[in-house]
PDB file of N, CA and C in Angstrom:
ATOM      1  N   MET A   1      -9.779  16.179   5.183  1.00  0.00           N
ATOM      2  CA  MET A   1     -10.016  14.758   5.025  1.00  0.00           C
ATOM      3  C   MET A   1     -10.008  14.351   3.561  1.00  0.00           C
ATOM      4  N   GLU A   2     -10.431  15.235   2.701  1.00  0.00           N
ATOM      5  CA  GLU A   2     -10.513  14.883   1.282  1.00  0.00           C
ATOM      6  C   GLU A   2      -9.141  14.562   0.695  1.00  0.00           C
ATOM      7  N   LEU A   3      -8.113  15.290   1.110  1.00  0.00           N
ATOM      8  CA  LEU A   3      -6.755  15.032   0.624  1.00  0.00           C
ATOM      9  C   LEU A   3      -6.302  13.631   1.006  1.00  0.00           C
ATOM     10  N   PHE A   4      -6.545  13.250   2.247  1.00  0.00           N
ATOM     11  CA  PHE A   4      -6.187  11.913   2.707  1.00  0.00           C
ATOM     12  C   PHE A   4      -6.934  10.852   1.900  1.00  0.00           C
ATOM     13  N   ALA A   5      -8.219  11.026   1.718  1.00  0.00           N
ATOM     14  CA  ALA A   5      -9.025  10.061   0.966  1.00  0.00           C
ATOM     15  C   ALA A   5      -8.526   9.953  -0.475  1.00  0.00           C
ATOM     16  N   THR A   6      -8.219  11.083  -1.080  1.00  0.00           N
ATOM     17  CA  THR A   6      -7.700  11.087  -2.453  1.00  0.00           C
ATOM     18  C   THR A   6      -6.376  10.348  -2.531  1.00  0.00           C
ATOM     19  N   ASN A   7      -5.492  10.585  -1.567  1.00  0.00           N
ATOM     20  CA  ASN A   7      -4.193   9.912  -1.559  1.00  0.00           C
ATOM     21  C   ASN A   7      -4.340   8.408  -1.348  1.00  0.00           C
ATOM     22  N   LEU A   8      -5.288   8.000  -0.514  1.00  0.00           N
ATOM     23  CA  LEU A   8      -5.548   6.566  -0.324  1.00  0.00           C
ATOM     24  C   LEU A   8      -5.965   5.917  -1.639  1.00  0.00           C
ATOM     25  N   ARG A   9      -6.939   6.553  -2.297  1.00  0.00           N
ATOM     26  CA  ARG A   9      -7.433   5.984  -3.563  1.00  0.00           C
ATOM     27  C   ARG A   9      -6.324   5.933  -4.611  1.00  0.00           C
ATOM     28  N   ARG A  10      -5.563   7.005  -4.726  1.00  0.00           N
ATOM     29  CA  ARG A  10      -4.506   7.077  -5.729  1.00  0.00           C
ATOM     30  C   ARG A  10      -3.433   6.000  -5.478  1.00  0.00           C
ATOM     31  N   ARG A  11      -3.007   5.874  -4.227  1.00  0.00           N
ATOM     32  CA  ARG A  11      -1.943   4.916  -3.927  1.00  0.00           C
ATOM     33  C   ARG A  11      -2.421   3.479  -4.148  1.00  0.00           C
ATOM     34  N   ALA A  12      -3.609   3.158  -3.734  1.00  0.00           N
ATOM     35  CA  ALA A  12      -4.142   1.812  -3.959  1.00  0.00           C
ATOM     36  C   ALA A  12      -4.248   1.528  -5.453  1.00  0.00           C
ATOM     37  N   GLU A  13      -4.669   2.512  -6.219  1.00  0.00           N
ATOM     38  CA  GLU A  13      -4.768   2.360  -7.677  1.00  0.00           C
ATOM     39  C   GLU A  13      -3.389   2.124  -8.288  1.00  0.00           C
ATOM     40  N   GLU A  14      -2.386   2.883  -7.831  1.00  0.00           N
ATOM     41  CA  GLU A  14      -1.020   2.707  -8.332  1.00  0.00           C
ATOM     42  C   GLU A  14      -0.541   1.281  -8.114  1.00  0.00           C
ATOM     43  N   LEU A  15      -0.943   0.685  -6.990  1.00  0.00           N
ATOM     44  CA  LEU A  15      -0.509  -0.663  -6.638  1.00  0.00           C
ATOM     45  C   LEU A  15      -1.429  -1.746  -7.191  1.00  0.00           C
ATOM     46  N   GLY A  16      -2.545  -1.339  -7.782  1.00  0.00           N
ATOM     47  CA  GLY A  16      -3.495  -2.313  -8.305  1.00  0.00           C
ATOM     48  C   GLY A  16      -4.244  -3.060  -7.216  1.00  0.00           C
ATOM     49  N   LEU A  17      -4.465  -2.395  -6.079  1.00  0.00           N
ATOM     50  CA  LEU A  17      -5.158  -3.031  -4.961  1.00  0.00           C
ATOM     51  C   LEU A  17      -6.578  -2.489  -4.835  1.00  0.00           C
ATOM     52  N   SER A  18      -7.503  -3.375  -4.566  1.00  0.00           N
ATOM     53  CA  SER A  18      -8.885  -2.958  -4.318  1.00  0.00           C
ATOM     54  C   SER A  18      -9.007  -2.478  -2.874  1.00  0.00           C
ATOM     55  N   ASN A  19     -10.082  -1.755  -2.591  1.00  0.00           N
ATOM     56  CA  ASN A  19     -10.333  -1.336  -1.218  1.00  0.00           C
ATOM     57  C   ASN A  19     -10.444  -2.545  -0.295  1.00  0.00           C
ATOM     58  N   ALA A  20     -11.094  -3.584  -0.770  1.00  0.00           N
ATOM     59  CA  ALA A  20     -11.259  -4.785   0.045  1.00  0.00           C
ATOM     60  C   ALA A  20      -9.907  -5.412   0.380  1.00  0.00           C
ATOM     61  N   GLU A  21      -8.996  -5.425  -0.581  1.00  0.00           N
ATOM     62  CA  GLU A  21      -7.683  -6.019  -0.347  1.00  0.00           C
ATOM     63  C   GLU A  21      -6.862  -5.181   0.617  1.00  0.00           C
ATOM     64  N   VAL A  22      -6.897  -3.868   0.472  1.00  0.00           N
ATOM     65  CA  VAL A  22      -6.173  -2.997   1.412  1.00  0.00           C
ATOM     66  C   VAL A  22      -6.733  -3.205   2.820  1.00  0.00           C
ATOM     67  N   ALA A  23      -8.038  -3.223   2.940  1.00  0.00           N
ATOM     68  CA  ALA A  23      -8.675  -3.429   4.243  1.00  0.00           C
ATOM     69  C   ALA A  23      -8.247  -4.761   4.844  1.00  0.00           C
ATOM     70  N   ARG A  24      -8.275  -5.814   4.054  1.00  0.00           N
ATOM     71  CA  ARG A  24      -7.896  -7.144   4.552  1.00  0.00           C
ATOM     72  C   ARG A  24      -6.461  -7.150   5.046  1.00  0.00           C
ATOM     73  N   ARG A  25      -5.555  -6.607   4.237  1.00  0.00           N
ATOM     74  CA  ARG A  25      -4.141  -6.604   4.608  1.00  0.00           C
ATOM     75  C   ARG A  25      -3.863  -5.746   5.842  1.00  0.00           C
ATOM     76  N   ALA A  26      -4.665  -4.722   6.050  1.00  0.00           N
ATOM     77  CA  ALA A  26      -4.481  -3.840   7.206  1.00  0.00           C
ATOM     78  C   ALA A  26      -5.230  -4.344   8.443  1.00  0.00           C
ATOM     79  N   GLY A  27      -6.007  -5.415   8.274  1.00  0.00           N
ATOM     80  CA  GLY A  27      -6.765  -5.956   9.396  1.00  0.00           C
ATOM     81  C   GLY A  27      -7.978  -5.123   9.758  1.00  0.00           C
ATOM     82  N   LEU A  28      -8.551  -4.475   8.754  1.00  0.00           N
ATOM     83  CA  LEU A  28      -9.721  -3.615   8.957  1.00  0.00           C
ATOM     84  C   LEU A  28     -10.933  -4.197   8.241  1.00  0.00           C
ATOM     85  N   SER A  29     -12.110  -3.818   8.694  1.00  0.00           N
ATOM     86  CA  SER A  29     -13.304  -4.210   7.954  1.00  0.00           C
ATOM     87  C   SER A  29     -13.384  -3.347   6.694  1.00  0.00           C
ATOM     88  N   GLU A  30     -14.038  -3.875   5.680  1.00  0.00           N
ATOM     89  CA  GLU A  30     -14.206  -3.101   4.440  1.00  0.00           C
ATOM     90  C   GLU A  30     -14.990  -1.815   4.713  1.00  0.00           C
ATOM     91  N   ARG A  31     -15.953  -1.898   5.590  1.00  0.00           N
ATOM     92  CA  ARG A  31     -16.776  -0.723   5.908  1.00  0.00           C
ATOM     93  C   ARG A  31     -15.926   0.377   6.554  1.00  0.00           C
ATOM     94  N   ARG A  32     -15.094  -0.016   7.507  1.00  0.00           N
ATOM     95  CA  ARG A  32     -14.249   0.971   8.182  1.00  0.00           C
ATOM     96  C   ARG A  32     -13.278   1.615   7.201  1.00  0.00           C
ATOM     97  N   TYR A  33     -12.628   0.792   6.383  1.00  0.00           N
ATOM     98  CA  TYR A  33     -11.696   1.342   5.400  1.00  0.00           C
ATOM     99  C   TYR A  33     -12.447   2.210   4.387  1.00  0.00           C
ATOM    100  N   GLY A  34     -13.648   1.797   4.033  1.00  0.00           N
ATOM    101  CA  GLY A  34     -14.467   2.581   3.111  1.00  0.00           C
ATOM    102  C   GLY A  34     -14.755   3.982   3.641  1.00  0.00           C
ATOM    103  N   ASN A  35     -14.893   4.106   4.953  1.00  0.00           N
ATOM    104  CA  ASN A  35     -15.091   5.430   5.549  1.00  0.00           C
ATOM    105  C   ASN A  35     -13.864   6.314   5.340  1.00  0.00           C
ATOM    106  N   TYR A  36     -12.688   5.740   5.362  1.00  0.00           N
ATOM    107  CA  TYR A  36     -11.466   6.515   5.138  1.00  0.00           C
ATOM    108  C   TYR A  36     -11.350   6.919   3.669  1.00  0.00           C
ATOM    109  N   VAL A  37     -11.634   5.982   2.781  1.00  0.00           N
ATOM    110  CA  VAL A  37     -11.526   6.238   1.340  1.00  0.00           C
ATOM    111  C   VAL A  37     -12.554   7.270   0.878  1.00  0.00           C
ATOM    112  N   SER A  38     -13.703   7.282   1.511  1.00  0.00           N
ATOM    113  CA  SER A  38     -14.751   8.229   1.126  1.00  0.00           C
ATOM    114  C   SER A  38     -14.570   9.597   1.787  1.00  0.00           C
ATOM    115  N   GLY A  39     -13.673   9.688   2.749  1.00  0.00           N
ATOM    116  CA  GLY A  39     -13.450  10.958   3.432  1.00  0.00           C
ATOM    117  C   GLY A  39     -14.406  11.215   4.583  1.00  0.00           C
ATOM    118  N   ARG A  40     -15.212  10.218   4.968  1.00  0.00           N
ATOM    119  CA  ARG A  40     -16.153  10.402   6.079  1.00  0.00           C
ATOM    120  C   ARG A  40     -15.451  10.375   7.442  1.00  0.00           C
ATOM    121  N   ARG A  41     -14.342   9.656   7.513  1.00  0.00           N
ATOM    122  CA  ARG A  41     -13.602   9.527   8.776  1.00  0.00           C
ATOM    123  C   ARG A  41     -12.107   9.523   8.489  1.00  0.00           C
ATOM    124  N   GLU A  42     -11.324   9.778   9.556  1.00  0.00           N
ATOM    125  CA  GLU A  42      -9.871   9.658   9.481  1.00  0.00           C
ATOM    126  C   GLU A  42      -9.428   8.634  10.514  1.00  0.00           C
ATOM    127  N   PRO A  43      -8.400   7.858  10.213  1.00  0.00           N
ATOM    128  CA  PRO A  43      -7.958   6.818  11.150  1.00  0.00           C
ATOM    129  C   PRO A  43      -7.141   7.402  12.298  1.00  0.00           C
ATOM    130  N   ASP A  44      -7.052   6.620  13.379  1.00  0.00           N
ATOM    131  CA  ASP A  44      -6.134   6.997  14.448  1.00  0.00           C
ATOM    132  C   ASP A  44      -4.705   6.709  13.972  1.00  0.00           C
ATOM    133  N   LEU A  45      -3.724   7.105  14.744  1.00  0.00           N
ATOM    134  CA  LEU A  45      -2.335   6.989  14.309  1.00  0.00           C
ATOM    135  C   LEU A  45      -1.923   5.551  14.040  1.00  0.00           C
ATOM    136  N   ALA A  46      -2.284   4.640  14.914  1.00  0.00           N
ATOM    137  CA  ALA A  46      -1.906   3.239  14.727  1.00  0.00           C
ATOM    138  C   ALA A  46      -2.495   2.674  13.439  1.00  0.00           C
ATOM    139  N   THR A  47      -3.733   3.010  13.157  1.00  0.00           N
ATOM    140  CA  THR A  47      -4.386   2.538  11.933  1.00  0.00           C
ATOM    141  C   THR A  47      -3.759   3.185  10.709  1.00  0.00           C
ATOM    142  N   LEU A  48      -3.440   4.461  10.798  1.00  0.00           N
ATOM    143  CA  LEU A  48      -2.778   5.161   9.699  1.00  0.00           C
ATOM    144  C   LEU A  48      -1.452   4.485   9.361  1.00  0.00           C
ATOM    145  N   VAL A  49      -0.696   4.112  10.367  1.00  0.00           N
ATOM    146  CA  VAL A  49       0.597   3.447  10.147  1.00  0.00           C
ATOM    147  C   VAL A  49       0.387   2.089   9.470  1.00  0.00           C
ATOM    148  N   LYS A  50      -0.624   1.327   9.903  1.00  0.00           N
ATOM    149  CA  LYS A  50      -0.925   0.036   9.271  1.00  0.00           C
ATOM    150  C   LYS A  50      -1.277   0.217   7.795  1.00  0.00           C
ATOM    151  N   ILE A  51      -2.144   1.180   7.513  1.00  0.00           N
ATOM    152  CA  ILE A  51      -2.560   1.419   6.125  1.00  0.00           C
ATOM    153  C   ILE A  51      -1.372   1.850   5.282  1.00  0.00           C
ATOM    154  N   ALA A  52      -0.548   2.741   5.802  1.00  0.00           N
ATOM    155  CA  ALA A  52       0.637   3.192   5.064  1.00  0.00           C
ATOM    156  C   ALA A  52       1.557   2.025   4.766  1.00  0.00           C
ATOM    157  N   SER A  53       1.721   1.128   5.717  1.00  0.00           N
ATOM    158  CA  SER A  53       2.573  -0.052   5.513  1.00  0.00           C
ATOM    159  C   SER A  53       2.028  -0.931   4.394  1.00  0.00           C
ATOM    160  N   VAL A  54       0.719  -1.169   4.410  1.00  0.00           N
ATOM    161  CA  VAL A  54       0.087  -1.975   3.364  1.00  0.00           C
ATOM    162  C   VAL A  54       0.275  -1.330   1.999  1.00  0.00           C
ATOM    163  N   LEU A  55       0.200  -0.009   1.958  1.00  0.00           N
ATOM    164  CA  LEU A  55       0.321   0.719   0.691  1.00  0.00           C
ATOM    165  C   LEU A  55       1.769   1.062   0.349  1.00  0.00           C
ATOM    166  N   ALA A  56       2.715   0.513   1.122  1.00  0.00           N
ATOM    167  CA  ALA A  56       4.149   0.708   0.881  1.00  0.00           C
ATOM    168  C   ALA A  56       4.497   2.183   0.717  1.00  0.00           C
ATOM    169  N   THR A  57       4.034   2.970   1.670  1.00  0.00           N
ATOM    170  CA  THR A  57       4.289   4.407   1.671  1.00  0.00           C
ATOM    171  C   THR A  57       4.413   4.868   3.109  1.00  0.00           C
ATOM    172  N   THR A  58       4.451   6.151   3.326  1.00  0.00           N
ATOM    173  CA  THR A  58       4.553   6.690   4.685  1.00  0.00           C
ATOM    174  C   THR A  58       3.262   7.405   5.052  1.00  0.00           C
ATOM    175  N   PRO A  59       2.994   7.528   6.345  1.00  0.00           N
ATOM    176  CA  PRO A  59       1.827   8.314   6.748  1.00  0.00           C
ATOM    177  C   PRO A  59       1.898   9.743   6.205  1.00  0.00           C
ATOM    178  N   ASN A  60       3.078  10.313   6.182  1.00  0.00           N
ATOM    179  CA  ASN A  60       3.236  11.670   5.671  1.00  0.00           C
ATOM    180  C   ASN A  60       2.791  11.770   4.214  1.00  0.00           C
ATOM    181  N   ASP A  61       3.155  10.781   3.405  1.00  0.00           N
ATOM    182  CA  ASP A  61       2.742  10.798   1.998  1.00  0.00           C
ATOM    183  C   ASP A  61       1.222  10.711   1.845  1.00  0.00           C
ATOM    184  N   LEU A  62       0.573  10.023   2.768  1.00  0.00           N
ATOM    185  CA  LEU A  62      -0.881   9.906   2.694  1.00  0.00           C
ATOM    186  C   LEU A  62      -1.596  11.165   3.172  1.00  0.00           C
ATOM    187  N   LEU A  63      -0.903  11.969   3.960  1.00  0.00           N
ATOM    188  CA  LEU A  63      -1.547  13.139   4.560  1.00  0.00           C
ATOM    189  C   LEU A  63      -1.222  14.452   3.869  1.00  0.00           C
ATOM    190  N   THR A  64      -0.288  14.445   2.928  1.00  0.00           N
ATOM    191  CA  THR A  64       0.136  15.692   2.298  1.00  0.00           C
ATOM    192  C   THR A  64      -0.039  15.653   0.789  1.00  0.00           C
ATOM    193  N   ILE A  65       0.036  16.827   0.196  1.00  0.00           N
ATOM    194  CA  ILE A  65      -0.012  16.932  -1.259  1.00  0.00           C
ATOM    195  C   ILE A  65       1.307  16.421  -1.803  1.00  0.00           C
ATOM    196  N   ARG A  66       1.229  15.577  -2.797  1.00  0.00           N
ATOM    197  CA  ARG A  66       2.455  15.044  -3.394  1.00  0.00           C
ATOM    198  C   ARG A  66       2.294  14.964  -4.902  1.00  0.00           C
ATOM    199  N   PRO A  67       3.325  15.282  -5.603  1.00  0.00           N
ATOM    200  CA  PRO A  67       3.236  15.158  -7.060  1.00  0.00           C
ATOM    201  C   PRO A  67       3.221  13.682  -7.451  1.00  0.00           C
ATOM    202  N   SER A  68       2.474  13.366  -8.477  1.00  0.00           N
ATOM    203  CA  SER A  68       2.403  11.973  -8.942  1.00  0.00           C
ATOM    204  C   SER A  68       3.281  11.812 -10.182  1.00  0.00           C
ATOM    205  N   THR A  69       4.582  11.936  -9.964  1.00  0.00           N
ATOM    206  CA  THR A  69       5.529  11.831 -11.077  1.00  0.00           C
ATOM    207  C   THR A  69       6.425  10.606 -10.904  1.00  0.00           C
ATOM    208  N   LYS A  70       5.843   9.496 -10.524  1.00  0.00           N
ATOM    209  CA  LYS A  70       6.620   8.281 -10.328  1.00  0.00           C
ATOM    210  C   LYS A  70       6.882   7.609 -11.663  1.00  0.00           C
ATOM    211  N   THR A  71       8.085   7.077 -11.781  1.00  0.00           N
ATOM    212  CA  THR A  71       8.444   6.349 -12.992  1.00  0.00           C
ATOM    213  C   THR A  71       7.804   4.968 -12.933  1.00  0.00           C
ATOM    214  N   SER A  72       7.797   4.284 -14.058  1.00  0.00           N
ATOM    215  CA  SER A  72       7.221   2.939 -14.075  1.00  0.00           C
ATOM    216  C   SER A  72       8.027   1.994 -13.184  1.00  0.00           C
ATOM    217  N   ALA A  73       9.332   2.209 -13.092  1.00  0.00           N
ATOM    218  CA  ALA A  73      10.155   1.374 -12.210  1.00  0.00           C
ATOM    219  C   ALA A  73       9.782   1.616 -10.746  1.00  0.00           C
ATOM    220  N   GLU A  74       9.538   2.883 -10.379  1.00  0.00           N
ATOM    221  CA  GLU A  74       9.139   3.191  -9.001  1.00  0.00           C
ATOM    222  C   GLU A  74       7.775   2.592  -8.683  1.00  0.00           C
ATOM    223  N   LEU A  75       6.871   2.646  -9.640  1.00  0.00           N
ATOM    224  CA  LEU A  75       5.552   2.046  -9.432  1.00  0.00           C
ATOM    225  C   LEU A  75       5.661   0.529  -9.275  1.00  0.00           C
ATOM    226  N   ALA A  76       6.498  -0.099 -10.093  1.00  0.00           N
ATOM    227  CA  ALA A  76       6.678  -1.553 -10.004  1.00  0.00           C
ATOM    228  C   ALA A  76       7.285  -1.937  -8.660  1.00  0.00           C
ATOM    229  N   ARG A  77       8.270  -1.176  -8.202  1.00  0.00           N
ATOM    230  CA  ARG A  77       8.863  -1.452  -6.889  1.00  0.00           C
ATOM    231  C   ARG A  77       7.826  -1.311  -5.785  1.00  0.00           C
ATOM    232  N   GLY A  78       6.997  -0.286  -5.881  1.00  0.00           N
ATOM    233  CA  GLY A  78       5.946  -0.090  -4.883  1.00  0.00           C
ATOM    234  C   GLY A  78       4.966  -1.242  -4.852  1.00  0.00           C
ATOM    235  N   LYS A  79       4.583  -1.725  -6.032  1.00  0.00           N
ATOM    236  CA  LYS A  79       3.682  -2.871  -6.104  1.00  0.00           C
ATOM    237  C   LYS A  79       4.317  -4.098  -5.462  1.00  0.00           C
ATOM    238  N   ALA A  80       5.594  -4.310  -5.755  1.00  0.00           N
ATOM    239  CA  ALA A  80       6.307  -5.460  -5.196  1.00  0.00           C
ATOM    240  C   ALA A  80       6.387  -5.353  -3.675  1.00  0.00           C
ATOM    241  N   MET A  81       6.707  -4.182  -3.165  1.00  0.00           N
ATOM    242  CA  MET A  81       6.822  -3.993  -1.713  1.00  0.00           C
ATOM    243  C   MET A  81       5.481  -4.227  -1.022  1.00  0.00           C
ATOM    244  N   ALA A  82       4.420  -3.737  -1.612  1.00  0.00           N
ATOM    245  CA  ALA A  82       3.096  -3.927  -1.018  1.00  0.00           C
ATOM    246  C   ALA A  82       2.705  -5.401  -1.010  1.00  0.00           C
ATOM    247  N   ALA A  83       3.009  -6.109  -2.084  1.00  0.00           N
ATOM    248  CA  ALA A  83       2.689  -7.539  -2.153  1.00  0.00           C
ATOM    249  C   ALA A  83       3.537  -8.327  -1.161  1.00  0.00           C
ATOM    250  N   LEU A  84       4.820  -7.988  -1.057  1.00  0.00           N
ATOM    251  CA  LEU A  84       5.704  -8.690  -0.136  1.00  0.00           C
ATOM    252  C   LEU A  84       5.261  -8.528   1.314  1.00  0.00           C
ATOM    253  N   ALA A  85       4.758  -7.371   1.648  1.00  0.00           N
ATOM    254  CA  ALA A  85       4.322  -7.100   3.015  1.00  0.00           C
ATOM    255  C   ALA A  85       3.160  -8.006   3.428  1.00  0.00           C
ATOM    256  N   ALA A  86       2.424  -8.523   2.469  1.00  0.00           N
ATOM    257  CA  ALA A  86       1.262  -9.359   2.772  1.00  0.00           C
ATOM    258  C   ALA A  86       1.603 -10.844   2.886  1.00  0.00           C
ATOM    259  N   LEU A  87       2.849 -11.222   2.570  1.00  0.00           N
ATOM    260  CA  LEU A  87       3.220 -12.628   2.558  1.00  0.00           C
ATOM    261  C   LEU A  87       3.619 -13.153   3.928  1.00  0.00           C
ATOM    262  N   ALA A  88       3.352 -14.433   4.131  1.00  0.00           N
ATOM    263  CA  ALA A  88       3.852 -15.125   5.321  1.00  0.00           C
ATOM    264  C   ALA A  88       5.352 -15.339   5.137  1.00  0.00           C
ATOM    265  N   ILE A  89       6.072 -15.580   6.204  1.00  0.00           N
ATOM    266  CA  ILE A  89       7.526 -15.671   6.156  1.00  0.00           C
ATOM    267  C   ILE A  89       8.006 -16.784   5.228  1.00  0.00           C
ATOM    268  N   ASP A  90       7.359 -17.930   5.206  1.00  0.00           N
ATOM    269  CA  ASP A  90       7.778 -19.018   4.310  1.00  0.00           C
ATOM    270  C   ASP A  90       7.684 -18.599   2.847  1.00  0.00           C
ATOM    271  N   ASP A  91       6.588 -17.967   2.498  1.00  0.00           N
ATOM    272  CA  ASP A  91       6.414 -17.500   1.124  1.00  0.00           C
ATOM    273  C   ASP A  91       7.392 -16.379   0.801  1.00  0.00           C
ATOM    274  N   LEU A  92       7.634 -15.525   1.763  1.00  0.00           N
ATOM    275  CA  LEU A  92       8.578 -14.427   1.566  1.00  0.00           C
ATOM    276  C   LEU A  92       9.988 -14.966   1.291  1.00  0.00           C
ATOM    277  N   GLU A  93      10.375 -16.001   1.988  1.00  0.00           N
ATOM    278  CA  GLU A  93      11.691 -16.600   1.759  1.00  0.00           C
ATOM    279  C   GLU A  93      11.782 -17.202   0.357  1.00  0.00           C
ATOM    280  N   ARG A  94      10.713 -17.854  -0.107  1.00  0.00           N
ATOM    281  CA  ARG A  94      10.696 -18.420  -1.461  1.00  0.00           C
ATOM    282  C   ARG A  94      10.820 -17.314  -2.514  1.00  0.00           C
ATOM    283  N   VAL A  95      10.059 -16.243  -2.328  1.00  0.00           N
ATOM    284  CA  VAL A  95      10.097 -15.137  -3.273  1.00  0.00           C
ATOM    285  C   VAL A  95      11.484 -14.498  -3.286  1.00  0.00           C
ATOM    286  N   THR A  96      12.099 -14.378  -2.134  1.00  0.00           N
ATOM    287  CA  THR A  96      13.444 -13.801  -2.052  1.00  0.00           C
ATOM    288  C   THR A  96      14.429 -14.612  -2.876  1.00  0.00           C
ATOM    289  N   ILE A  97      14.348 -15.912  -2.788  1.00  0.00           N
ATOM    290  CA  ILE A  97      15.234 -16.783  -3.575  1.00  0.00           C
ATOM    291  C   ILE A  97      15.006 -16.558  -5.067  1.00  0.00           C
ATOM    292  N   MET A  98      13.735 -16.466  -5.465  1.00  0.00           N
ATOM    293  CA  MET A  98      13.426 -16.253  -6.881  1.00  0.00           C
ATOM    294  C   MET A  98      13.917 -14.898  -7.364  1.00  0.00           C
ATOM    295  N   VAL A  99      13.720 -13.866  -6.566  1.00  0.00           N
ATOM    296  CA  VAL A  99      14.149 -12.515  -6.963  1.00  0.00           C
ATOM    297  C   VAL A  99      15.667 -12.453  -7.055  1.00  0.00           C
ATOM    298  N   GLU A 100      16.356 -13.069  -6.128  1.00  0.00           N
ATOM    299  CA  GLU A 100      17.821 -13.100  -6.171  1.00  0.00           C
ATOM    300  C   GLU A 100      18.315 -13.792  -7.448  1.00  0.00           C
ATOM    301  N   ALA A 101      17.645 -14.881  -7.807  1.00  0.00           N
ATOM    302  CA  ALA A 101      18.027 -15.597  -9.030  1.00  0.00           C
ATOM    303  C   ALA A 101      17.796 -14.731 -10.261  1.00  0.00           C
ATOM    304  N   LEU A 102      16.677 -14.016 -10.299  1.00  0.00           N
ATOM    305  CA  LEU A 102      16.404 -13.118 -11.420  1.00  0.00           C
ATOM    306  C   LEU A 102      17.429 -11.988 -11.482  1.00  0.00           C
ATOM    307  N   ALA A 103      17.806 -11.455 -10.332  1.00  0.00           N
ATOM    308  CA  ALA A 103      18.764 -10.362 -10.290  1.00  0.00           C
ATOM    309  C   ALA A 103      20.139 -10.803 -10.803  1.00  0.00           C
ATOM    310  N   LYS A 104      20.505 -12.034 -10.549  1.00  0.00           N
ATOM    311  CA  LYS A 104      21.796 -12.542 -11.013  1.00  0.00           C
ATOM    312  C   LYS A 104      21.801 -12.691 -12.537  1.00  0.00           C
ATOM    313  N   ARG A 105      20.639 -12.969 -13.131  1.00  0.00           N
ATOM    314  CA  ARG A 105      20.551 -13.128 -14.586  1.00  0.00           C
ATOM    315  C   ARG A 105      20.670 -11.796 -15.303  1.00  0.00           C
ATOM    316  N   ALA A 106      20.270 -10.736 -14.632  1.00  0.00           N
ATOM    317  CA  ALA A 106      20.216  -9.408 -15.277  1.00  0.00           C
ATOM    318  C   ALA A 106      21.589  -8.816 -15.514  1.00  0.00           C
TER     319      ALA A 106
END
């Protein structure tokens, strides 16, 4: 359980997300998510998939040892993916237009 808890904390930190924000985005209470982060409990499969989605990663990455050798570009992409996953469709469409415009300038 400790490996899973460590991976949760590390991934949320990489994305700049608080435990409360991860819990909110995953539809969990802060207390329940806190049990996972502290290593007191492990989630069921459906909950694990929700948390992995919020953290823009895979359940496998949360459950296994992984090297933390991500580039700053990979970290930025991960942050963007996690933020996009939390948006409503109208906001997501607006952001898509803005990102496309930025990409054309580059």
